[in-house]
N, C-alpha and C. Protein backbone atom coordinates (compact mmCIF):
# COMPACT_ATOMS: atom_id res chain seq x y z
N MET A 1 -41.78 56.90 85.45
CA MET A 1 -41.71 57.24 84.08
C MET A 1 -41.91 59.10 83.95
N PRO A 2 -41.18 59.20 83.22
CA PRO A 2 -40.75 60.73 82.87
C PRO A 2 -42.16 61.38 82.44
N SER A 3 -42.55 62.73 82.80
CA SER A 3 -43.76 63.30 82.42
C SER A 3 -43.45 63.81 80.96
N GLN A 4 -44.37 64.12 80.09
CA GLN A 4 -44.14 64.50 78.39
C GLN A 4 -43.25 65.94 79.00
N GLY A 5 -43.58 66.75 80.08
CA GLY A 5 -42.56 67.89 79.74
C GLY A 5 -40.64 67.07 79.73
N GLU A 6 -40.80 66.49 80.77
CA GLU A 6 -39.12 65.90 81.19
C GLU A 6 -38.94 65.18 79.98
N SER A 7 -39.58 64.68 78.84
CA SER A 7 -39.24 63.53 77.77
C SER A 7 -38.80 64.61 76.89
N ASP A 8 -39.88 65.76 76.65
CA ASP A 8 -39.17 66.65 75.75
C ASP A 8 -37.79 67.43 75.80
N MET A 9 -37.56 67.58 77.25
CA MET A 9 -36.42 68.48 77.82
C MET A 9 -35.13 67.37 77.60
N ALA A 10 -35.46 66.21 77.74
CA ALA A 10 -34.39 64.66 77.44
C ALA A 10 -34.07 65.04 75.74
N LYS A 11 -35.30 65.23 75.26
CA LYS A 11 -34.51 64.96 73.96
C LYS A 11 -33.94 66.47 73.71
N ALA A 12 -34.64 67.36 74.01
CA ALA A 12 -33.79 68.69 73.61
C ALA A 12 -32.17 69.07 74.33
N GLY A 13 -31.98 67.84 75.46
CA GLY A 13 -30.45 67.71 75.76
C GLY A 13 -30.55 68.44 77.18
N THR A 14 -32.06 69.44 77.61
CA THR A 14 -32.01 70.01 78.65
C THR A 14 -32.79 69.16 79.87
N GLY A 15 -32.84 68.06 79.70
CA GLY A 15 -33.56 67.51 80.81
C GLY A 15 -32.97 66.98 82.01
N PRO A 16 -33.45 66.00 82.43
CA PRO A 16 -32.86 65.34 83.83
C PRO A 16 -31.53 64.88 83.53
N LEU A 17 -30.39 64.94 83.89
CA LEU A 17 -29.11 64.20 84.16
C LEU A 17 -29.06 63.05 83.61
N ARG A 18 -27.87 62.24 82.54
CA ARG A 18 -27.94 60.90 82.69
C ARG A 18 -27.42 60.70 83.67
N GLN A 19 -27.58 59.37 84.18
CA GLN A 19 -26.87 59.19 85.67
C GLN A 19 -25.52 58.82 85.55
N PRO A 20 -24.55 59.17 86.03
CA PRO A 20 -23.15 58.72 85.36
C PRO A 20 -22.48 57.53 85.95
N LYS A 21 -22.17 56.54 85.00
CA LYS A 21 -21.15 55.14 85.67
C LYS A 21 -20.05 55.57 86.66
N ILE A 22 -19.92 55.37 87.73
CA ILE A 22 -18.65 55.30 88.61
C ILE A 22 -18.05 53.96 88.89
N LEU A 23 -16.99 53.83 88.69
CA LEU A 23 -16.32 52.36 88.92
C LEU A 23 -15.25 52.96 90.65
N VAL A 24 -16.14 52.63 91.52
CA VAL A 24 -14.96 52.66 92.99
C VAL A 24 -14.17 51.34 93.09
N VAL A 25 -12.55 51.90 93.33
CA VAL A 25 -11.92 50.54 93.67
C VAL A 25 -10.74 50.36 94.87
N ASP A 26 -11.27 49.95 95.43
CA ASP A 26 -10.74 49.69 97.07
C ASP A 26 -10.62 48.48 97.59
N ASP A 27 -9.18 47.95 98.18
CA ASP A 27 -9.24 46.89 98.98
C ASP A 27 -9.95 46.55 100.30
N ASP A 28 -10.32 47.67 100.84
CA ASP A 28 -10.51 47.70 102.33
C ASP A 28 -11.98 48.07 101.85
N LEU A 29 -12.74 46.73 102.29
CA LEU A 29 -14.01 46.57 101.98
C LEU A 29 -15.22 47.29 102.62
N ALA A 30 -14.75 47.71 103.67
CA ALA A 30 -15.71 49.04 104.66
C ALA A 30 -15.57 50.22 104.30
N LEU A 31 -14.33 50.48 103.68
CA LEU A 31 -14.31 51.85 103.18
C LEU A 31 -14.96 51.36 101.42
N LEU A 32 -14.74 50.63 100.86
CA LEU A 32 -15.48 50.14 99.86
C LEU A 32 -17.00 50.33 99.41
N ARG A 33 -17.69 49.60 100.69
CA ARG A 33 -19.08 49.97 100.56
C ARG A 33 -19.40 51.34 101.12
N MET A 34 -18.94 52.38 101.97
CA MET A 34 -18.72 53.30 102.31
C MET A 34 -19.20 54.32 100.98
N LEU A 35 -18.22 54.17 100.11
CA LEU A 35 -17.61 54.81 99.21
C LEU A 35 -18.78 54.63 97.73
N GLU A 36 -19.38 53.29 98.17
CA GLU A 36 -20.55 52.93 97.37
C GLU A 36 -21.83 53.80 97.50
N LYS A 37 -22.18 53.72 98.57
CA LYS A 37 -23.16 54.25 99.43
C LYS A 37 -23.22 55.68 99.24
N LEU A 38 -22.25 56.47 99.41
CA LEU A 38 -21.92 58.07 99.11
C LEU A 38 -21.91 58.33 97.56
N MET A 39 -21.58 57.46 96.98
CA MET A 39 -21.82 57.61 95.32
C MET A 39 -23.12 57.33 94.52
N SER A 40 -23.75 56.37 95.11
CA SER A 40 -24.93 55.91 94.74
C SER A 40 -25.98 57.60 94.13
N PRO A 41 -26.17 57.94 95.09
CA PRO A 41 -26.86 58.94 94.67
C PRO A 41 -26.33 59.91 93.35
N ILE A 42 -25.22 59.41 93.23
CA ILE A 42 -24.56 60.81 92.09
C ILE A 42 -25.00 59.61 90.90
N GLY A 43 -24.46 58.66 90.60
CA GLY A 43 -24.57 57.55 89.70
C GLY A 43 -24.97 56.02 90.02
N LYS A 44 -24.46 55.27 88.96
CA LYS A 44 -24.68 53.75 89.16
C LYS A 44 -23.03 53.43 89.54
N VAL A 45 -23.10 52.61 90.57
CA VAL A 45 -21.58 52.65 91.14
C VAL A 45 -21.22 51.05 90.75
N THR A 46 -20.06 50.67 90.61
CA THR A 46 -19.90 49.66 90.41
C THR A 46 -18.43 49.21 90.99
N CYS A 47 -18.24 48.51 91.97
CA CYS A 47 -17.05 48.24 92.71
C CYS A 47 -15.76 46.88 92.33
N ALA A 48 -14.65 47.54 92.88
CA ALA A 48 -13.85 46.29 92.54
C ALA A 48 -12.69 46.57 93.49
N THR A 49 -12.23 45.49 94.32
CA THR A 49 -11.63 45.42 95.16
C THR A 49 -10.09 45.52 94.83
N ASP A 50 -9.78 45.76 93.53
CA ASP A 50 -8.17 45.27 93.44
C ASP A 50 -8.11 46.27 91.86
N GLY A 51 -7.09 46.54 91.07
CA GLY A 51 -6.62 47.62 89.96
C GLY A 51 -7.19 45.89 88.84
N GLN A 52 -6.83 44.96 89.51
CA GLN A 52 -6.91 43.88 88.09
C GLN A 52 -8.25 43.55 87.63
N GLU A 53 -8.90 43.47 89.13
CA GLU A 53 -10.50 43.49 88.91
C GLU A 53 -11.27 44.80 88.23
N ALA A 54 -10.52 45.71 88.40
CA ALA A 54 -11.25 46.74 87.96
C ALA A 54 -11.03 46.48 86.28
N LEU A 55 -9.44 46.40 85.86
CA LEU A 55 -9.28 46.25 84.91
C LEU A 55 -10.01 45.13 83.85
N ASP A 56 -10.56 44.13 84.51
CA ASP A 56 -11.43 43.10 84.34
C ASP A 56 -12.62 43.79 83.87
N PHE A 57 -13.16 44.07 85.00
CA PHE A 57 -14.14 44.82 84.52
C PHE A 57 -14.74 45.61 83.17
N LEU A 58 -13.29 46.63 82.87
CA LEU A 58 -13.30 47.47 81.94
C LEU A 58 -13.16 46.56 80.62
N THR A 59 -12.39 45.51 80.77
CA THR A 59 -12.62 44.68 79.21
C THR A 59 -13.36 44.10 79.17
N GLU A 60 -14.70 43.70 80.24
CA GLU A 60 -15.71 43.35 79.88
C GLU A 60 -16.77 43.74 79.66
N GLY A 61 -16.61 45.34 79.50
CA GLY A 61 -17.67 46.01 78.82
C GLY A 61 -18.26 47.34 79.86
N VAL A 62 -17.27 47.21 80.92
CA VAL A 62 -18.07 48.08 82.03
C VAL A 62 -17.33 49.52 81.38
N MET A 63 -17.83 50.32 81.23
CA MET A 63 -17.19 52.17 80.75
C MET A 63 -17.93 52.74 81.46
N PRO A 64 -16.97 53.36 82.59
CA PRO A 64 -17.22 54.05 83.59
C PRO A 64 -17.27 55.54 83.31
N ASP A 65 -17.73 56.38 83.54
CA ASP A 65 -17.53 58.18 83.45
C ASP A 65 -16.80 58.64 84.45
N LEU A 66 -16.25 57.54 84.84
CA LEU A 66 -15.22 58.43 86.24
C LEU A 66 -14.70 57.01 87.17
N ILE A 67 -13.52 56.77 87.69
CA ILE A 67 -12.74 55.75 88.60
C ILE A 67 -12.41 56.48 89.41
N ILE A 68 -12.76 56.13 90.84
CA ILE A 68 -12.24 56.56 92.14
C ILE A 68 -11.61 55.30 92.65
N THR A 69 -10.09 55.27 92.56
CA THR A 69 -9.11 54.34 93.15
C THR A 69 -8.41 54.49 93.99
N ASP A 70 -8.22 53.85 94.86
CA ASP A 70 -7.10 53.62 96.35
C ASP A 70 -5.78 53.50 95.27
N LEU A 71 -4.53 53.93 96.01
CA LEU A 71 -2.97 53.48 95.60
C LEU A 71 -2.77 52.25 95.81
N MET A 72 -2.56 51.98 96.79
CA MET A 72 -1.96 50.69 97.49
C MET A 72 -2.97 49.42 97.88
N MET A 73 -3.06 48.65 97.05
CA MET A 73 -3.74 47.23 96.78
C MET A 73 -3.22 46.42 96.04
N PRO A 74 -3.43 45.05 96.77
CA PRO A 74 -2.92 43.90 96.00
C PRO A 74 -3.18 43.60 94.47
N ARG A 75 -2.31 42.61 93.83
CA ARG A 75 -2.54 42.47 92.36
C ARG A 75 -2.28 43.33 91.54
N MET A 76 -2.46 44.57 91.53
CA MET A 76 -2.97 45.66 90.65
C MET A 76 -2.77 47.23 91.38
N ASP A 77 -1.79 47.79 91.65
CA ASP A 77 -2.36 49.16 92.53
C ASP A 77 -2.50 50.23 91.66
N GLY A 78 -2.99 51.26 92.19
CA GLY A 78 -3.52 52.46 91.57
C GLY A 78 -2.92 53.09 91.03
N LEU A 79 -1.76 53.08 90.94
CA LEU A 79 -0.54 53.80 89.94
C LEU A 79 -0.74 52.97 88.21
N GLN A 80 -0.54 51.53 88.81
CA GLN A 80 -0.80 50.67 87.53
C GLN A 80 -1.89 50.65 87.09
N LEU A 81 -2.97 50.46 87.46
CA LEU A 81 -4.18 50.69 87.04
C LEU A 81 -4.48 51.95 85.78
N VAL A 82 -3.93 53.24 86.57
CA VAL A 82 -3.84 54.31 85.62
C VAL A 82 -3.03 54.16 84.69
N ASP A 83 -1.58 53.73 84.47
CA ASP A 83 -0.86 53.26 83.59
C ASP A 83 -1.65 52.58 82.40
N GLU A 84 -2.61 51.21 83.23
CA GLU A 84 -2.99 50.74 82.06
C GLU A 84 -4.17 51.42 81.32
N LEU A 85 -4.99 52.12 82.07
CA LEU A 85 -5.72 52.70 80.95
C LEU A 85 -5.27 53.79 80.17
N ARG A 86 -4.21 54.84 80.80
CA ARG A 86 -3.46 55.83 79.74
C ARG A 86 -2.96 55.28 78.65
N SER A 87 -2.33 54.26 78.61
CA SER A 87 -2.10 53.12 77.68
C SER A 87 -3.06 52.20 76.50
N ASN A 88 -4.35 52.72 76.84
CA ASN A 88 -5.13 51.66 75.76
C ASN A 88 -6.23 52.85 75.62
N SER A 89 -6.52 52.86 74.15
CA SER A 89 -7.24 53.99 73.55
C SER A 89 -8.24 53.92 73.77
N LYS A 90 -8.85 52.78 74.25
CA LYS A 90 -10.54 52.78 74.78
C LYS A 90 -10.70 53.09 76.15
N PHE A 91 -9.97 53.44 76.87
CA PHE A 91 -9.69 53.93 78.19
C PHE A 91 -9.44 55.10 78.52
N LYS A 92 -8.40 55.61 77.89
CA LYS A 92 -7.32 56.57 78.35
C LYS A 92 -8.18 57.91 78.87
N HIS A 93 -9.71 57.88 78.17
CA HIS A 93 -10.25 59.31 78.18
C HIS A 93 -10.62 59.41 79.51
N ILE A 94 -10.95 58.31 80.64
CA ILE A 94 -11.71 58.18 81.97
C ILE A 94 -11.09 58.51 83.08
N PRO A 95 -11.61 59.86 83.48
CA PRO A 95 -10.69 60.58 84.38
C PRO A 95 -11.01 59.77 86.18
N VAL A 96 -9.86 59.70 86.24
CA VAL A 96 -9.43 59.03 87.74
C VAL A 96 -9.24 60.27 88.99
N ILE A 97 -9.85 59.84 89.76
CA ILE A 97 -9.49 60.31 91.20
C ILE A 97 -8.95 59.48 92.27
N MET A 98 -7.74 59.71 92.46
CA MET A 98 -6.93 59.03 93.65
C MET A 98 -7.20 59.26 95.04
N LEU A 99 -7.69 57.92 95.57
CA LEU A 99 -8.07 58.04 96.87
C LEU A 99 -7.10 57.47 98.00
N THR A 100 -6.64 57.87 98.42
CA THR A 100 -5.02 57.10 99.03
C THR A 100 -4.63 57.84 100.64
N ALA A 101 -3.87 56.55 101.60
CA ALA A 101 -3.22 57.10 102.41
C ALA A 101 -1.72 57.59 102.19
N LYS A 102 -1.28 57.67 101.09
CA LYS A 102 0.04 58.24 101.07
C LYS A 102 -0.10 59.53 99.99
N GLY A 103 0.08 60.50 101.50
CA GLY A 103 -0.25 61.86 101.07
C GLY A 103 1.26 62.80 100.84
N THR A 104 2.54 62.00 100.85
CA THR A 104 3.44 62.93 100.79
C THR A 104 3.64 63.59 99.44
N PRO A 105 3.75 65.01 99.30
CA PRO A 105 4.20 65.70 98.06
C PRO A 105 4.33 64.92 96.82
N LYS A 106 5.78 63.94 96.98
CA LYS A 106 5.86 63.68 95.87
C LYS A 106 5.09 62.16 95.40
N ASP A 107 4.21 61.72 96.86
CA ASP A 107 3.16 60.82 96.09
C ASP A 107 2.23 61.62 95.42
N VAL A 108 1.96 63.20 95.62
CA VAL A 108 0.75 63.78 95.07
C VAL A 108 0.96 64.03 93.50
N ILE A 109 2.37 64.36 93.28
CA ILE A 109 2.94 64.73 91.83
C ILE A 109 2.76 63.70 91.28
N THR A 110 3.64 62.29 91.95
CA THR A 110 3.23 61.22 90.91
C THR A 110 2.26 60.50 90.45
N GLY A 111 1.35 61.22 91.55
CA GLY A 111 -0.42 60.51 91.18
C GLY A 111 -0.70 61.07 89.81
N ILE A 112 -0.59 62.43 89.85
CA ILE A 112 -1.20 63.43 88.63
C ILE A 112 -0.27 63.49 87.60
N ASN A 113 0.98 62.99 87.91
CA ASN A 113 1.58 63.00 86.69
C ASN A 113 1.46 61.71 85.57
N LYS A 114 1.13 60.54 86.49
CA LYS A 114 0.56 59.27 85.83
C LYS A 114 -0.89 59.42 85.46
N GLY A 115 -1.70 60.79 86.06
CA GLY A 115 -2.73 60.74 84.99
C GLY A 115 -3.93 60.92 86.14
N ALA A 116 -3.86 60.75 87.00
CA ALA A 116 -5.23 60.93 88.32
C ALA A 116 -5.61 62.55 87.66
N ARG A 117 -6.65 62.74 87.64
CA ARG A 117 -7.19 64.12 87.85
C ARG A 117 -7.43 64.97 89.11
N HIS A 118 -7.58 64.07 90.13
CA HIS A 118 -7.75 64.59 91.26
C HIS A 118 -6.83 63.57 92.56
N TYR A 119 -6.38 64.30 93.24
CA TYR A 119 -5.44 63.28 94.47
C TYR A 119 -5.94 63.80 95.84
N LEU A 120 -6.90 62.68 96.62
CA LEU A 120 -7.26 62.97 97.78
C LEU A 120 -6.76 62.12 98.86
N VAL A 121 -6.25 62.32 100.37
CA VAL A 121 -5.55 62.15 100.95
C VAL A 121 -6.56 61.58 101.92
N LYS A 122 -6.29 60.03 102.53
CA LYS A 122 -7.52 59.64 103.28
C LYS A 122 -6.70 59.94 104.86
N PRO A 123 -7.37 60.64 105.84
CA PRO A 123 -8.99 60.31 105.95
C PRO A 123 -8.98 61.87 105.00
N PHE A 124 -10.27 61.33 104.58
CA PHE A 124 -10.71 62.59 103.56
C PHE A 124 -12.35 62.87 104.06
N LYS A 125 -12.70 64.12 104.00
CA LYS A 125 -14.40 64.68 104.11
C LYS A 125 -15.25 64.35 102.82
N ASN A 126 -16.18 63.66 103.27
CA ASN A 126 -17.14 62.84 102.06
C ASN A 126 -17.48 64.35 101.46
N LYS A 127 -17.50 65.70 101.93
CA LYS A 127 -17.83 66.68 100.77
C LYS A 127 -16.86 66.95 99.94
N ASP A 128 -15.34 66.72 100.40
CA ASP A 128 -14.40 66.88 99.94
C ASP A 128 -14.47 66.16 98.34
N LEU A 129 -14.44 64.94 98.80
CA LEU A 129 -14.80 64.05 97.48
C LEU A 129 -15.98 64.26 96.33
N VAL A 130 -17.23 64.48 96.95
CA VAL A 130 -18.28 64.65 96.45
C VAL A 130 -17.99 66.16 95.31
N LYS A 131 -17.24 67.05 95.81
CA LYS A 131 -16.65 68.32 95.21
C LYS A 131 -15.89 68.00 94.11
N LYS A 132 -15.19 67.00 94.33
CA LYS A 132 -13.81 66.58 93.07
C LYS A 132 -14.76 65.94 92.13
N VAL A 133 -15.96 64.98 92.49
CA VAL A 133 -16.58 63.88 91.43
C VAL A 133 -17.40 65.13 90.99
N ALA A 134 -17.81 65.83 91.75
CA ALA A 134 -19.35 67.24 90.87
C ALA A 134 -18.19 67.82 89.81
N THR A 135 -16.87 68.01 89.81
CA THR A 135 -15.83 69.06 89.54
C THR A 135 -15.76 67.94 88.08
N VAL A 136 -15.42 66.63 88.23
CA VAL A 136 -14.74 65.65 86.96
C VAL A 136 -15.89 65.70 85.98
N LEU A 137 -17.58 65.34 86.82
CA LEU A 137 -18.34 64.98 86.11
C LEU A 137 -19.09 66.59 85.57
N ASN A 138 -18.86 67.44 85.69
CA ASN A 138 -19.33 68.39 85.35
C ASN A 138 -21.06 69.20 86.07
N ARG A 139 -20.74 69.08 87.03
CA ARG A 139 -22.12 68.50 87.69
C ARG A 139 -22.24 69.25 89.18
N LYS A 140 -22.25 71.06 88.63
CA LYS A 140 -22.36 71.99 89.55
C LYS A 140 -23.72 71.33 91.08
N ASP A 141 -24.43 70.96 90.36
CA ASP A 141 -25.57 70.53 91.31
C ASP A 141 -25.06 69.96 92.19
N LEU A 142 -24.07 68.91 92.41
CA LEU A 142 -24.16 67.95 93.67
C LEU A 142 -23.13 69.37 94.37
N ILE A 143 -22.22 69.99 93.75
CA ILE A 143 -21.69 71.04 95.03
C ILE A 143 -22.32 71.36 95.97
N TYR A 144 -23.61 72.09 95.50
CA TYR A 144 -24.55 72.59 96.58
C TYR A 144 -24.90 71.81 97.38
N SER A 145 -25.29 70.48 96.87
CA SER A 145 -26.02 69.41 97.94
C SER A 145 -25.20 68.90 98.83
N VAL A 146 -23.83 69.35 99.11
CA VAL A 146 -23.52 68.83 100.21
C VAL A 146 -22.86 69.53 101.29
């Protein structure tokens, strides 16, 4: 339960930050669990195993502040997911971080041009991902915690 001072700060908009919602999408279950563990101190994490499942969550009412997605997945890949997001007025504002093994300059340009805010190539350093998440969520406090 927040103290009276914390409650007053929250009302004034200067209190503890609201916990963001993060949707993590990857078909590699071990990596998905690792990302869930890495992101859980930052926000409320929902996991999906491909783009179609992520899109299903969105249409069912899950409204994340950020999506971190792999590129190569079955059913619907990350680029198709971003296309779906950008073509829907309810979802086009959601920032996306692409996290993938495809790292040629052409791949990066394609991902950014499709609408990804950041593009990170696997294998990646946890601190690099956290810094990109902090930038997207405008949370400078996270940058100093890694």
